[in-house]
C-alpha atoms as a PDB file:
ATOM      1  CA  UNK A   1      21.582 -10.590   7.765  1.00  0.00           C
ATOM      2  CA  UNK A   2      24.382  -8.884   5.866  1.00  0.00           C
ATOM      3  CA  UNK A   3      25.406  -8.661   2.235  1.00  0.00           C
ATOM      4  CA  UNK A   4      28.033  -6.181   1.114  1.00  0.00           C
ATOM      5  CA  UNK A   5      27.844  -4.636   4.615  1.00  0.00           C
ATOM      6  CA  UNK A   6      24.078  -4.054   4.668  1.00  0.00           C
ATOM      7  CA  UNK A   7      21.607  -5.310   7.232  1.00  0.00           C
ATOM      8  CA  UNK A   8      17.943  -4.753   7.987  1.00  0.00           C
ATOM      9  CA  UNK A   9      17.032  -3.797  11.544  1.00  0.00           C
ATOM     10  CA  UNK A  10      13.624  -3.268  13.063  1.00  0.00           C
ATOM     11  CA  UNK A  11      12.609  -0.414  15.340  1.00  0.00           C
ATOM     12  CA  UNK A  12      14.206  -0.201  18.813  1.00  0.00           C
ATOM     13  CA  UNK A  13      13.102  -3.057  21.028  1.00  0.00           C
ATOM     14  CA  UNK A  14      11.861  -5.104  18.060  1.00  0.00           C
ATOM     15  CA  UNK A  15      11.733  -8.873  18.676  1.00  0.00           C
ATOM     16  CA  UNK A  16      10.431 -12.140  17.183  1.00  0.00           C
ATOM     17  CA  UNK A  17       6.887 -11.503  18.454  1.00  0.00           C
ATOM     18  CA  UNK A  18       6.893  -8.204  16.583  1.00  0.00           C
ATOM     19  CA  UNK A  19       7.827 -10.059  13.378  1.00  0.00           C
ATOM     20  CA  UNK A  20       4.700 -12.212  13.760  1.00  0.00           C
ATOM     21  CA  UNK A  21       2.586  -9.059  13.894  1.00  0.00           C
ATOM     22  CA  UNK A  22       4.436  -7.588  10.904  1.00  0.00           C
ATOM     23  CA  UNK A  23       3.726 -10.730   8.868  1.00  0.00           C
ATOM     24  CA  UNK A  24       0.004 -10.498   9.594  1.00  0.00           C
ATOM     25  CA  UNK A  25      -0.128  -6.770   8.780  1.00  0.00           C
ATOM     26  CA  UNK A  26       2.055  -6.954   5.670  1.00  0.00           C
ATOM     27  CA  UNK A  27       3.924  -3.824   6.692  1.00  0.00           C
ATOM     28  CA  UNK A  28       7.191  -3.016   8.473  1.00  0.00           C
ATOM     29  CA  UNK A  29       7.450   0.650   9.426  1.00  0.00           C
ATOM     30  CA  UNK A  30      10.260   2.161  11.459  1.00  0.00           C
ATOM     31  CA  UNK A  31      12.859  -0.233  10.062  1.00  0.00           C
ATOM     32  CA  UNK A  32      16.313   0.769   8.907  1.00  0.00           C
ATOM     33  CA  UNK A  33      18.930  -0.339   6.437  1.00  0.00           C
ATOM     34  CA  UNK A  34      22.255  -0.149   8.241  1.00  0.00           C
ATOM     35  CA  UNK A  35      25.689   0.001   6.639  1.00  0.00           C
ATOM     36  CA  UNK A  36      28.557   0.512   9.055  1.00  0.00           C
ATOM     37  CA  UNK A  37      27.665   3.565  11.130  1.00  0.00           C
ATOM     38  CA  UNK A  38      25.127   4.842   8.585  1.00  0.00           C
ATOM     39  CA  UNK A  39      21.407   4.222   9.039  1.00  0.00           C
ATOM     40  CA  UNK A  40      18.657   4.757   6.446  1.00  0.00           C
ATOM     41  CA  UNK A  41      14.911   4.535   7.102  1.00  0.00           C
ATOM     42  CA  UNK A  42      13.033   1.874   5.147  1.00  0.00           C
ATOM     43  CA  UNK A  43       9.453   0.630   4.865  1.00  0.00           C
ATOM     44  CA  UNK A  44       8.788  -2.936   3.745  1.00  0.00           C
ATOM     45  CA  UNK A  45       5.392  -3.955   2.341  1.00  0.00           C
ATOM     46  CA  UNK A  46       3.775  -7.055   0.976  1.00  0.00           C
ATOM     47  CA  UNK A  47       1.886  -6.450  -2.308  1.00  0.00           C
ATOM     48  CA  UNK A  48      -1.578  -6.740  -0.766  1.00  0.00           C
ATOM     49  CA  UNK A  49      -0.964  -4.121   1.927  1.00  0.00           C
ATOM     50  CA  UNK A  50       0.878  -1.831  -0.500  1.00  0.00           C
ATOM     51  CA  UNK A  51      -2.079  -1.951  -2.891  1.00  0.00           C
ATOM     52  CA  UNK A  52      -4.491  -1.169  -0.050  1.00  0.00           C
ATOM     53  CA  UNK A  53      -2.461   1.818   1.108  1.00  0.00           C
ATOM     54  CA  UNK A  54      -1.942   3.178  -2.414  1.00  0.00           C
ATOM     55  CA  UNK A  55      -5.650   2.900  -3.218  1.00  0.00           C
ATOM     56  CA  UNK A  56      -6.669   4.500   0.076  1.00  0.00           C
ATOM     57  CA  UNK A  57      -4.309   7.436  -0.400  1.00  0.00           C
ATOM     58  CA  UNK A  58      -5.003   8.044  -4.094  1.00  0.00           C
ATOM     59  CA  UNK A  59      -8.790   7.874  -3.955  1.00  0.00           C
ATOM     60  CA  UNK A  60     -10.332  11.237  -4.779  1.00  0.00           C
ATOM     61  CA  UNK A  61      -7.109  12.668  -6.206  1.00  0.00           C
ATOM     62  CA  UNK A  62      -4.787  12.037  -3.261  1.00  0.00           C
ATOM     63  CA  UNK A  63      -1.129  11.117  -3.549  1.00  0.00           C
ATOM     64  CA  UNK A  64       0.760   8.126  -2.213  1.00  0.00           C
ATOM     65  CA  UNK A  65       4.393   8.796  -1.372  1.00  0.00           C
ATOM     66  CA  UNK A  66       6.754   6.868   0.849  1.00  0.00           C
ATOM     67  CA  UNK A  67      10.508   7.162   0.492  1.00  0.00           C
ATOM     68  CA  UNK A  68      12.691   4.055   0.629  1.00  0.00           C
ATOM     69  CA  UNK A  69       9.932   1.507   0.093  1.00  0.00           C
ATOM     70  CA  UNK A  70      10.692  -2.144  -0.590  1.00  0.00           C
ATOM     71  CA  UNK A  71       7.922  -4.545  -1.647  1.00  0.00           C
ATOM     72  CA  UNK A  72       8.296  -8.296  -1.151  1.00  0.00           C
ATOM     73  CA  UNK A  73       5.976 -11.121  -2.192  1.00  0.00           C
ATOM     74  CA  UNK A  74       5.444 -12.425   1.340  1.00  0.00           C
ATOM     75  CA  UNK A  75       6.570 -10.284   4.265  1.00  0.00           C
ATOM     76  CA  UNK A  76       8.475 -12.228   6.883  1.00  0.00           C
ATOM     77  CA  UNK A  77      11.793 -11.652   8.589  1.00  0.00           C
ATOM     78  CA  UNK A  78      13.414 -14.219   6.303  1.00  0.00           C
ATOM     79  CA  UNK A  79      12.108 -12.708   3.046  1.00  0.00           C
ATOM     80  CA  UNK A  80      12.788  -9.118   4.130  1.00  0.00           C
ATOM     81  CA  UNK A  81      16.387  -9.895   5.087  1.00  0.00           C
ATOM     82  CA  UNK A  82      16.932 -11.979   1.941  1.00  0.00           C
ATOM     83  CA  UNK A  83      15.583  -9.121  -0.170  1.00  0.00           C
ATOM     84  CA  UNK A  84      18.010  -6.650   1.404  1.00  0.00           C
ATOM     85  CA  UNK A  85      20.842  -9.070   0.644  1.00  0.00           C
ATOM     86  CA  UNK A  86      19.721  -9.410  -2.979  1.00  0.00           C
ATOM     87  CA  UNK A  87      19.399  -5.643  -3.406  1.00  0.00           C
ATOM     88  CA  UNK A  88      22.847  -5.068  -1.880  1.00  0.00           C
ATOM     89  CA  UNK A  89      24.486  -7.783  -3.980  1.00  0.00           C
ATOM     90  CA  UNK A  90      22.999  -6.267  -7.138  1.00  0.00           C
ATOM     91  CA  UNK A  91      24.250  -2.780  -6.206  1.00  0.00           C
ATOM     92  CA  UNK A  92      20.788  -1.227  -5.792  1.00  0.00           C
ATOM     93  CA  UNK A  93      21.682   0.246  -2.389  1.00  0.00           C
ATOM     94  CA  UNK A  94      25.025   1.750  -3.440  1.00  0.00           C
ATOM     95  CA  UNK A  95      23.481   5.139  -4.217  1.00  0.00           C
ATOM     96  CA  UNK A  96      22.865   5.681  -0.488  1.00  0.00           C
ATOM     97  CA  UNK A  97      26.574   5.521   0.239  1.00  0.00           C
ATOM     98  CA  UNK A  98      27.665   7.920  -2.472  1.00  0.00           C
END
C-alpha cells in the first residue's frame, strides 16, 4: 500500500501465511518502510505484545528501546498498511527523508 510514496514491506520471502503468524504474535519484526529507493527498518506491535515486551525488559531496572516502532490496535496486514498510509499522509514520516 502506498501513500505519499511510502509502503510497508515484510522481510524477504514474506507471504500471506507469514501475516497469519504475525497477527497471532502481535509483532512484525524485520519489516521496512520503503520510499523510492530508500528503505527504513520498522517494527510493528499490537498493544498487548508491546506491553508484554516493555514489562519484560524493564523489570528489575532494565530498559526497553526499539527504534522506529509503530503500535496499532489490532495487528494485521490491512491495519499495518493503513497505519503507514495515515502516518505518511499526516507527514509523520517526512523526517526520514530530510
